[in-house]
Amino acid sequence: MDARARRSQEKLRSAVISLATDTPISEITASAICREAGVTRDTFYRHANSPVDLLADALSAEIDEVMTVLPRAEAIGDGERALLEHVQRRAAVYRGAMHPLLAAPVRGNLEQSIRGGLELWARLHPHIVPAVFMADEAAMRMAIAYAAAGTVGAIEEWLRDGDEDIERAVEVILAASPEWWLR
């Protein structure tokens, strides 16, 4: 992506996050985002299909930055904590994307980011992975999908409850996880 397109993308991401902090994403129009970002509708549609897709992309970019903690993490809870800190920082945005579950693009990107983090964790710590998963790639993908979807569901409940206690949320999510992830 060239520098001009990257600047437009960043303006659009910033605009949708700013608007979604105070307004449910279902009520935000492409025109409002364009006004906030100072770009044309053509520019908007070169970067996104809809406001919710743009929001999902913006949040995913932030999660990608947050997840850079994983290679240096001492325990999987460190990654979980970093993710929940991001969610808490953007709680109003995430809540504005819930009806009652997260909008599909936001939920899908969040789940995909968690899957990527779990795949990386398993690669970095192969000794934790049970033999049944080491010998069966499809089984490992299923275990990762199960853990990622469950984590997203737990995050949705945490957001719905309005709980601000990140440590408690990390503790609950990890307690609900298969013990081998925690080794």
C-alpha atoms as a PDB file:
ATOM      1  CA  MET A   1       0.000   0.000   0.000  1.00  0.00           C
ATOM      2  CA  ASP A   2       1.413   3.379  -0.939  1.00  0.00           C
ATOM      3  CA  ALA A   3       1.818   6.193   1.589  1.00  0.00           C
ATOM      4  CA  ARG A   4      -1.285   8.089   0.430  1.00  0.00           C
ATOM      5  CA  ALA A   5      -3.529   5.024   0.665  1.00  0.00           C
ATOM      6  CA  ARG A   6      -2.060   4.204   4.083  1.00  0.00           C
ATOM      7  CA  ARG A   7      -2.838   7.747   5.312  1.00  0.00           C
ATOM      8  CA  SER A   8      -6.418   7.445   4.021  1.00  0.00           C
ATOM      9  CA  GLN A   9      -6.795   4.074   5.712  1.00  0.00           C
ATOM     10  CA  GLU A  10      -5.556   5.488   9.022  1.00  0.00           C
ATOM     11  CA  LYS A  11      -7.900   8.498   8.759  1.00  0.00           C
ATOM     12  CA  LEU A  12     -10.841   6.182   8.086  1.00  0.00           C
ATOM     13  CA  ARG A  13      -9.927   3.842  10.938  1.00  0.00           C
ATOM     14  CA  SER A  14      -9.539   6.742  13.332  1.00  0.00           C
ATOM     15  CA  ALA A  15     -12.841   8.270  12.202  1.00  0.00           C
ATOM     16  CA  VAL A  16     -14.879   5.085  12.626  1.00  0.00           C
ATOM     17  CA  ILE A  17     -13.388   4.437  16.070  1.00  0.00           C
ATOM     18  CA  SER A  18     -14.118   8.022  17.100  1.00  0.00           C
ATOM     19  CA  LEU A  19     -17.714   7.882  15.885  1.00  0.00           C
ATOM     20  CA  ALA A  20     -18.329   4.379  17.268  1.00  0.00           C
ATOM     21  CA  THR A  21     -17.221   5.495  20.720  1.00  0.00           C
ATOM     22  CA  ASP A  22     -20.449   7.491  21.076  1.00  0.00           C
ATOM     23  CA  THR A  23     -22.793   5.949  18.488  1.00  0.00           C
ATOM     24  CA  PRO A  24     -23.780   2.335  17.794  1.00  0.00           C
ATOM     25  CA  ILE A  25     -22.121   1.162  14.588  1.00  0.00           C
ATOM     26  CA  SER A  26     -25.533   0.323  13.099  1.00  0.00           C
ATOM     27  CA  GLU A  27     -26.344   4.061  13.156  1.00  0.00           C
ATOM     28  CA  ILE A  28     -23.084   5.268  11.565  1.00  0.00           C
ATOM     29  CA  THR A  29     -23.124   5.998   7.844  1.00  0.00           C
ATOM     30  CA  ALA A  30     -20.319   5.980   5.312  1.00  0.00           C
ATOM     31  CA  SER A  31     -21.011   9.695   4.774  1.00  0.00           C
ATOM     32  CA  ALA A  32     -20.496  10.454   8.470  1.00  0.00           C
ATOM     33  CA  ILE A  33     -17.210   8.569   8.457  1.00  0.00           C
ATOM     34  CA  CYS A  34     -16.092  10.431   5.321  1.00  0.00           C
ATOM     35  CA  ARG A  35     -16.898  13.796   6.935  1.00  0.00           C
ATOM     36  CA  GLU A  36     -15.027  12.834  10.108  1.00  0.00           C
ATOM     37  CA  ALA A  37     -12.023  11.528   8.150  1.00  0.00           C
ATOM     38  CA  GLY A  38     -12.002  14.297   5.555  1.00  0.00           C
ATOM     39  CA  VAL A  39     -12.093  11.853   2.640  1.00  0.00           C
ATOM     40  CA  THR A  40     -14.435  11.145  -0.258  1.00  0.00           C
ATOM     41  CA  ARG A  41     -16.967   8.318  -0.485  1.00  0.00           C
ATOM     42  CA  ASP A  42     -14.848   6.844  -3.276  1.00  0.00           C
ATOM     43  CA  THR A  43     -11.917   6.683  -0.878  1.00  0.00           C
ATOM     44  CA  PHE A  44     -14.136   5.079   1.766  1.00  0.00           C
ATOM     45  CA  TYR A  45     -15.292   2.353  -0.605  1.00  0.00           C
ATOM     46  CA  ARG A  46     -11.734   1.654  -1.755  1.00  0.00           C
ATOM     47  CA  HIS A  47     -10.965   0.706   1.872  1.00  0.00           C
ATOM     48  CA  ALA A  48     -14.227  -0.802   3.158  1.00  0.00           C
ATOM     49  CA  ASN A  49     -17.555  -2.228   2.066  1.00  0.00           C
ATOM     50  CA  SER A  50     -19.495  -0.779   4.993  1.00  0.00           C
ATOM     51  CA  PRO A  51     -19.041   1.072   8.290  1.00  0.00           C
ATOM     52  CA  VAL A  52     -19.126  -2.188  10.272  1.00  0.00           C
ATOM     53  CA  ASP A  53     -16.468  -3.732   8.007  1.00  0.00           C
ATOM     54  CA  LEU A  54     -14.297  -0.659   8.517  1.00  0.00           C
ATOM     55  CA  LEU A  55     -14.801  -0.880  12.280  1.00  0.00           C
ATOM     56  CA  ALA A  56     -13.845  -4.559  12.246  1.00  0.00           C
ATOM     57  CA  ASP A  57     -10.709  -3.693  10.279  1.00  0.00           C
ATOM     58  CA  ALA A  58      -9.776  -0.844  12.645  1.00  0.00           C
ATOM     59  CA  LEU A  59     -10.208  -2.988  15.753  1.00  0.00           C
ATOM     60  CA  SER A  60      -8.340  -5.873  14.144  1.00  0.00           C
ATOM     61  CA  ALA A  61      -5.379  -3.594  13.416  1.00  0.00           C
ATOM     62  CA  GLU A  62      -5.313  -2.563  17.073  1.00  0.00           C
ATOM     63  CA  ILE A  63      -5.529  -6.184  18.224  1.00  0.00           C
ATOM     64  CA  ASP A  64      -2.645  -7.110  15.930  1.00  0.00           C
ATOM     65  CA  GLU A  65      -0.515  -4.490  17.692  1.00  0.00           C
ATOM     66  CA  VAL A  66      -1.606  -5.746  21.119  1.00  0.00           C
ATOM     67  CA  MET A  67      -0.830  -9.363  20.264  1.00  0.00           C
ATOM     68  CA  THR A  68       2.831  -8.576  19.601  1.00  0.00           C
ATOM     69  CA  VAL A  69       3.203  -9.322  23.331  1.00  0.00           C
ATOM     70  CA  LEU A  70       2.793 -13.077  22.725  1.00  0.00           C
ATOM     71  CA  PRO A  71       6.347 -13.977  21.653  1.00  0.00           C
ATOM     72  CA  ARG A  72       7.669 -12.392  24.868  1.00  0.00           C
ATOM     73  CA  ALA A  73       4.871 -13.597  27.152  1.00  0.00           C
ATOM     74  CA  GLU A  74       5.696 -15.892  30.040  1.00  0.00           C
ATOM     75  CA  ALA A  75       2.178 -17.339  30.273  1.00  0.00           C
ATOM     76  CA  ILE A  76      -0.859 -17.452  28.014  1.00  0.00           C
ATOM     77  CA  GLY A  77      -2.614 -15.206  30.545  1.00  0.00           C
ATOM     78  CA  ASP A  78      -0.272 -12.382  29.506  1.00  0.00           C
ATOM     79  CA  GLY A  79      -1.753 -12.463  26.010  1.00  0.00           C
ATOM     80  CA  GLU A  80      -5.280 -12.749  27.393  1.00  0.00           C
ATOM     81  CA  ARG A  81      -4.643  -9.759  29.647  1.00  0.00           C
ATOM     82  CA  ALA A  82      -3.291  -7.669  26.751  1.00  0.00           C
ATOM     83  CA  LEU A  83      -6.348  -8.529  24.655  1.00  0.00           C
ATOM     84  CA  LEU A  84      -8.755  -7.667  27.475  1.00  0.00           C
ATOM     85  CA  GLU A  85      -6.956  -4.382  28.109  1.00  0.00           C
ATOM     86  CA  HIS A  86      -7.604  -3.510  24.462  1.00  0.00           C
ATOM     87  CA  VAL A  87     -11.267  -4.526  24.765  1.00  0.00           C
ATOM     88  CA  GLN A  88     -11.661  -2.499  27.957  1.00  0.00           C
ATOM     89  CA  ARG A  89     -10.008   0.539  26.338  1.00  0.00           C
ATOM     90  CA  ARG A  90     -12.518   0.227  23.457  1.00  0.00           C
ATOM     91  CA  ALA A  91     -15.446  -1.058  25.543  1.00  0.00           C
ATOM     92  CA  ALA A  92     -17.858   1.625  24.299  1.00  0.00           C
ATOM     93  CA  VAL A  93     -16.996   0.739  20.705  1.00  0.00           C
ATOM     94  CA  TYR A  94     -17.438  -2.985  21.271  1.00  0.00           C
ATOM     95  CA  ARG A  95     -20.700  -2.462  23.162  1.00  0.00           C
ATOM     96  CA  GLY A  96     -21.952  -0.278  20.314  1.00  0.00           C
ATOM     97  CA  ALA A  97     -21.306  -3.196  17.958  1.00  0.00           C
ATOM     98  CA  MET A  98     -23.362  -5.666  20.049  1.00  0.00           C
ATOM     99  CA  HIS A  99     -27.009  -6.487  19.206  1.00  0.00           C
ATOM    100  CA  PRO A 100     -26.964  -8.690  21.442  1.00  0.00           C
ATOM    101  CA  LEU A 101     -23.805 -10.366  20.066  1.00  0.00           C
ATOM    102  CA  LEU A 102     -20.973  -8.560  18.365  1.00  0.00           C
ATOM    103  CA  ALA A 103     -21.672  -7.674  14.737  1.00  0.00           C
ATOM    104  CA  ALA A 104     -20.464 -10.520  12.535  1.00  0.00           C
ATOM    105  CA  PRO A 105     -17.443  -8.732  10.995  1.00  0.00           C
ATOM    106  CA  VAL A 106     -16.239  -7.490  14.400  1.00  0.00           C
ATOM    107  CA  ARG A 107     -16.827 -10.880  16.024  1.00  0.00           C
ATOM    108  CA  GLY A 108     -15.186 -12.708  13.127  1.00  0.00           C
ATOM    109  CA  ASN A 109     -12.061 -10.561  13.188  1.00  0.00           C
ATOM    110  CA  LEU A 110     -11.795 -10.836  16.971  1.00  0.00           C
ATOM    111  CA  GLU A 111     -12.126 -14.613  16.783  1.00  0.00           C
ATOM    112  CA  GLN A 112      -9.589 -14.790  13.930  1.00  0.00           C
ATOM    113  CA  SER A 113      -7.107 -12.711  15.944  1.00  0.00           C
ATOM    114  CA  ILE A 114      -7.512 -15.023  18.933  1.00  0.00           C
ATOM    115  CA  ARG A 115      -7.051 -18.065  16.685  1.00  0.00           C
ATOM    116  CA  GLY A 116      -3.851 -16.559  15.351  1.00  0.00           C
ATOM    117  CA  GLY A 117      -2.616 -15.907  18.878  1.00  0.00           C
ATOM    118  CA  LEU A 118      -3.403 -19.465  19.973  1.00  0.00           C
ATOM    119  CA  GLU A 119      -1.706 -20.929  16.901  1.00  0.00           C
ATOM    120  CA  LEU A 120       1.374 -18.834  17.645  1.00  0.00           C
ATOM    121  CA  TRP A 121       1.300 -19.847  21.320  1.00  0.00           C
ATOM    122  CA  ALA A 122       1.150 -23.531  20.381  1.00  0.00           C
ATOM    123  CA  ARG A 123       4.055 -23.114  17.931  1.00  0.00           C
ATOM    124  CA  LEU A 124       6.131 -21.263  20.522  1.00  0.00           C
ATOM    125  CA  HIS A 125       5.313 -23.836  23.224  1.00  0.00           C
ATOM    126  CA  PRO A 126       4.929 -27.213  21.482  1.00  0.00           C
ATOM    127  CA  HIS A 127       5.541 -29.038  24.774  1.00  0.00           C
ATOM    128  CA  ILE A 128       2.074 -27.991  26.021  1.00  0.00           C
ATOM    129  CA  VAL A 129       0.200 -29.514  23.088  1.00  0.00           C
ATOM    130  CA  PRO A 130      -1.264 -32.978  23.800  1.00  0.00           C
ATOM    131  CA  ALA A 131      -0.015 -35.736  21.515  1.00  0.00           C
ATOM    132  CA  VAL A 132      -3.477 -36.222  19.984  1.00  0.00           C
ATOM    133  CA  PHE A 133      -3.279 -32.690  18.567  1.00  0.00           C
ATOM    134  CA  MET A 134       0.371 -32.859  17.556  1.00  0.00           C
ATOM    135  CA  ALA A 135      -0.350 -35.874  15.349  1.00  0.00           C
ATOM    136  CA  ASP A 136      -3.588 -34.502  13.882  1.00  0.00           C
ATOM    137  CA  GLU A 137      -3.564 -31.036  12.314  1.00  0.00           C
ATOM    138  CA  ALA A 138      -7.357 -31.010  11.865  1.00  0.00           C
ATOM    139  CA  ALA A 139      -7.851 -31.824  15.547  1.00  0.00           C
ATOM    140  CA  MET A 140      -5.514 -28.961  16.504  1.00  0.00           C
ATOM    141  CA  ARG A 141      -7.473 -26.539  14.307  1.00  0.00           C
ATOM    142  CA  MET A 142     -10.684 -27.719  16.018  1.00  0.00           C
ATOM    143  CA  ALA A 143      -9.184 -27.196  19.489  1.00  0.00           C
ATOM    144  CA  ILE A 144      -8.027 -23.696  18.531  1.00  0.00           C
ATOM    145  CA  ALA A 145     -11.419 -22.844  16.995  1.00  0.00           C
ATOM    146  CA  TYR A 146     -13.179 -24.060  20.146  1.00  0.00           C
ATOM    147  CA  ALA A 147     -10.930 -21.995  22.412  1.00  0.00           C
ATOM    148  CA  ALA A 148     -11.177 -18.865  20.251  1.00  0.00           C
ATOM    149  CA  ALA A 149     -14.970 -18.985  19.948  1.00  0.00           C
ATOM    150  CA  GLY A 150     -15.304 -19.568  23.674  1.00  0.00           C
ATOM    151  CA  THR A 151     -13.038 -16.634  24.422  1.00  0.00           C
ATOM    152  CA  VAL A 152     -15.113 -14.356  22.195  1.00  0.00           C
ATOM    153  CA  GLY A 153     -18.287 -15.521  23.942  1.00  0.00           C
ATOM    154  CA  ALA A 154     -16.702 -14.820  27.321  1.00  0.00           C
ATOM    155  CA  ILE A 155     -15.635 -11.348  26.156  1.00  0.00           C
ATOM    156  CA  GLU A 156     -19.188 -10.617  25.013  1.00  0.00           C
ATOM    157  CA  GLU A 157     -20.519 -11.585  28.463  1.00  0.00           C
ATOM    158  CA  TRP A 158     -17.818  -9.516  30.169  1.00  0.00           C
ATOM    159  CA  LEU A 159     -18.807  -6.496  28.057  1.00  0.00           C
ATOM    160  CA  ARG A 160     -22.494  -7.074  28.710  1.00  0.00           C
ATOM    161  CA  ASP A 161     -21.913  -7.229  32.475  1.00  0.00           C
ATOM    162  CA  GLY A 162     -19.971  -3.962  32.436  1.00  0.00           C
ATOM    163  CA  ASP A 163     -17.267  -5.555  34.585  1.00  0.00           C
ATOM    164  CA  GLU A 164     -14.056  -3.501  34.653  1.00  0.00           C
ATOM    165  CA  ASP A 165     -11.924  -6.087  36.446  1.00  0.00           C
ATOM    166  CA  ILE A 166      -9.463  -7.386  33.850  1.00  0.00           C
ATOM    167  CA  GLU A 167      -7.697  -9.733  36.280  1.00  0.00           C
ATOM    168  CA  ARG A 168     -10.966 -11.409  37.213  1.00  0.00           C
ATOM    169  CA  ALA A 169     -11.901 -11.793  33.536  1.00  0.00           C
ATOM    170  CA  VAL A 170      -8.497 -13.320  32.746  1.00  0.00           C
ATOM    171  CA  GLU A 171      -8.879 -15.688  35.699  1.00  0.00           C
ATOM    172  CA  VAL A 172     -12.387 -16.785  34.637  1.00  0.00           C
ATOM    173  CA  ILE A 173     -11.477 -17.278  30.967  1.00  0.00           C
ATOM    174  CA  LEU A 174      -8.365 -19.263  31.839  1.00  0.00           C
ATOM    175  CA  ALA A 175     -10.276 -21.358  34.400  1.00  0.00           C
ATOM    176  CA  ALA A 176     -12.759 -22.276  31.651  1.00  0.00           C
ATOM    177  CA  SER A 177      -9.940 -23.219  29.252  1.00  0.00           C
ATOM    178  CA  PRO A 178      -8.541 -26.723  28.817  1.00  0.00           C
ATOM    179  CA  GLU A 179      -5.686 -27.073  31.313  1.00  0.00           C
ATOM    180  CA  TRP A 180      -3.110 -27.911  28.674  1.00  0.00           C
ATOM    181  CA  TRP A 181      -3.196 -24.324  27.360  1.00  0.00           C
ATOM    182  CA  LEU A 182      -2.009 -23.216  30.803  1.00  0.00           C
ATOM    183  CA  ARG A 183       1.086 -25.428  31.046  1.00  0.00           C
END
